Amino acid sequence: MEKDNYDDIINLPHHEPKNHPRMSMWNRAAQFAPFAAVAGHDDAIRDSNIIRDEFTEMGDFENEENNRIMAELLPRLSEQPSMTVEYFEPDQRRSGGFYKEIVGTIKKIDEYERIIEMTDGLKIPFDFVRNIKFNDD
């Protein structure tokens, strides 16, 4: 009978290192995951798939309504009323942007710079405000 090359070790228990815990299957698989050959490539691909909105100018009715609410808000700023502001935020890298809605407190209104400043530091240009309303009404 011919001796097989592994007969002497085939039935031995699997070696477990004493100083290092066994690596999880997840970590072992991660060793063989592909790496990004071009830095930022995955981010650029993901970014190009995002659908952006185009800024649309408001009509006279919407402008009048926002102006009415702003006039009502100015004397009440010291009360710090809760407001909902819907506004357009331009994308810094591409054309277009996103319409966002926030609920918060307006810290001040700068009529000269035409900016609404929220208590959290966010500054919204008047021209990008689509809708503004009091939350307590």
Protein backbone atom coordinates (compact mmCIF):
# COMPACT_ATOMS: atom_id res chain seq x y z
CA MET A 1 0.00 0.00 0.00
CA GLU A 2 1.30 3.38 -0.99
CA LYS A 3 1.43 6.04 1.74
CA ASP A 4 -0.55 9.23 0.98
CA ASN A 5 1.35 12.47 1.62
CA TYR A 6 -1.22 13.79 4.13
CA ASP A 7 -2.09 10.66 6.10
CA ASP A 8 -0.08 11.82 9.09
CA ILE A 9 -1.97 15.14 9.49
CA ILE A 10 -5.40 14.59 7.96
CA ASN A 11 -7.14 13.82 11.25
CA LEU A 12 -5.40 16.41 13.42
CA PRO A 13 -7.53 19.23 14.91
CA HIS A 14 -7.40 22.63 13.22
CA HIS A 15 -4.62 24.80 14.62
CA GLU A 16 -5.88 27.67 16.79
CA PRO A 17 -3.31 30.40 17.51
CA LYS A 18 -2.82 31.21 21.17
CA ASN A 19 -2.04 34.94 20.76
CA HIS A 20 -4.48 35.98 18.02
CA PRO A 21 -8.23 35.39 17.90
CA ARG A 22 -9.60 33.79 14.78
CA MET A 23 -10.56 36.34 12.10
CA SER A 24 -14.26 36.63 11.34
CA MET A 25 -15.53 35.59 7.91
CA TRP A 26 -16.51 39.24 7.30
CA ASN A 27 -12.97 40.49 7.92
CA ARG A 28 -11.47 37.70 5.84
CA ALA A 29 -13.75 38.61 2.92
CA ALA A 30 -12.85 42.30 3.26
CA GLN A 31 -9.22 41.44 2.53
CA PHE A 32 -10.21 40.43 -0.96
CA ALA A 33 -12.65 43.28 -1.69
CA PRO A 34 -11.69 45.47 -4.66
CA PHE A 35 -10.02 48.75 -3.85
CA ALA A 36 -10.85 52.13 -5.39
CA ALA A 37 -8.20 52.71 -8.04
CA VAL A 38 -9.19 56.36 -8.49
CA ALA A 39 -9.84 58.36 -5.32
CA GLY A 40 -13.30 59.91 -5.32
CA HIS A 41 -14.56 57.88 -8.29
CA ASP A 42 -17.32 56.15 -6.31
CA ASP A 43 -18.43 59.48 -4.84
CA ALA A 44 -18.57 61.06 -8.31
CA ILE A 45 -20.68 58.19 -9.64
CA ARG A 46 -23.04 58.41 -6.67
CA ASP A 47 -23.23 62.22 -7.00
CA SER A 48 -24.09 62.06 -10.69
CA ASN A 49 -27.12 59.88 -9.95
CA ILE A 50 -28.73 62.42 -7.60
CA ILE A 51 -31.69 64.20 -9.15
CA ARG A 52 -31.50 67.92 -8.56
CA ASP A 53 -34.26 70.50 -8.71
CA GLU A 54 -34.10 73.63 -10.79
CA PHE A 55 -34.78 76.91 -9.04
CA THR A 56 -38.07 78.46 -10.12
CA GLU A 57 -38.93 82.10 -9.61
CA MET A 58 -42.03 82.66 -7.51
CA GLY A 59 -45.11 84.32 -8.88
CA ASP A 60 -46.60 87.57 -7.63
CA PHE A 61 -49.07 85.80 -5.31
CA GLU A 62 -46.35 83.81 -3.52
CA ASN A 63 -44.14 86.92 -3.20
CA GLU A 64 -47.01 88.94 -1.74
CA GLU A 65 -47.85 86.19 0.76
CA ASN A 66 -44.21 85.87 1.89
CA ASN A 67 -43.94 89.68 2.20
CA ARG A 68 -47.10 89.74 4.33
CA ILE A 69 -45.73 87.06 6.66
CA MET A 70 -42.34 88.82 6.89
CA ALA A 71 -44.08 92.08 7.84
CA GLU A 72 -46.02 90.20 10.52
CA LEU A 73 -42.85 88.47 11.72
CA LEU A 74 -40.60 91.55 12.15
CA PRO A 75 -42.34 92.94 15.28
CA ARG A 76 -42.57 89.41 16.75
CA LEU A 77 -38.86 88.47 16.36
CA SER A 78 -38.19 89.02 20.09
CA GLU A 79 -40.81 86.33 20.85
CA GLN A 80 -38.79 83.90 18.70
CA PRO A 81 -41.83 82.20 17.17
CA SER A 82 -41.46 78.75 15.65
CA MET A 83 -41.50 78.94 11.85
CA THR A 84 -41.51 76.54 8.91
CA VAL A 85 -39.37 77.77 6.03
CA GLU A 86 -39.29 76.08 2.64
CA TYR A 87 -36.33 77.25 0.59
CA PHE A 88 -34.05 76.40 -2.30
CA GLU A 89 -30.46 75.42 -1.56
CA PRO A 90 -28.19 75.55 -4.63
CA ASP A 91 -25.75 72.69 -5.15
CA GLN A 92 -22.21 74.04 -4.79
CA ARG A 93 -20.71 71.65 -7.38
CA ARG A 94 -23.39 71.26 -10.04
CA SER A 95 -26.25 73.20 -11.56
CA GLY A 96 -29.56 73.00 -9.76
CA GLY A 97 -30.03 72.24 -6.11
CA PHE A 98 -32.59 71.02 -3.62
CA TYR A 99 -35.76 72.36 -2.04
CA LYS A 100 -35.64 71.92 1.72
CA GLU A 101 -38.06 72.55 4.54
CA ILE A 102 -36.92 73.36 8.06
CA VAL A 103 -38.72 74.04 11.29
CA GLY A 104 -36.94 76.43 13.61
CA THR A 105 -36.65 79.85 15.12
CA ILE A 106 -35.62 82.94 13.20
CA LYS A 107 -32.88 84.87 14.97
CA LYS A 108 -32.91 87.96 12.76
CA ILE A 109 -33.92 89.31 9.40
CA ASP A 110 -31.33 91.40 7.58
CA GLU A 111 -33.34 93.52 5.17
CA TYR A 112 -30.22 95.18 3.72
CA GLU A 113 -28.47 91.85 2.88
CA ARG A 114 -31.89 90.24 2.26
CA ILE A 115 -31.11 87.23 4.48
CA ILE A 116 -33.06 85.31 7.10
CA GLU A 117 -30.80 83.99 9.87
CA MET A 118 -32.00 81.06 11.96
CA THR A 119 -30.94 80.51 15.59
CA ASP A 120 -28.87 77.50 14.48
CA GLY A 121 -26.77 79.80 12.23
CA LEU A 122 -28.36 78.86 8.90
CA LYS A 123 -28.65 81.87 6.56
CA ILE A 124 -31.30 81.80 3.85
CA PRO A 125 -31.43 84.46 1.11
CA PHE A 126 -34.90 86.02 0.70
CA ASP A 127 -34.87 85.18 -3.01
CA PHE A 128 -34.62 81.44 -2.25
CA VAL A 129 -37.56 81.33 0.20
CA ARG A 130 -40.49 79.57 -1.40
CA ASN A 131 -42.80 79.51 1.59
CA ILE A 132 -42.70 80.69 5.18
CA LYS A 133 -45.32 80.25 7.88
CA PHE A 134 -45.85 80.46 11.61
CA ASN A 135 -46.19 77.11 13.37
CA ASP A 136 -48.39 78.43 16.18
CA ASP A 137 -51.19 79.49 13.83
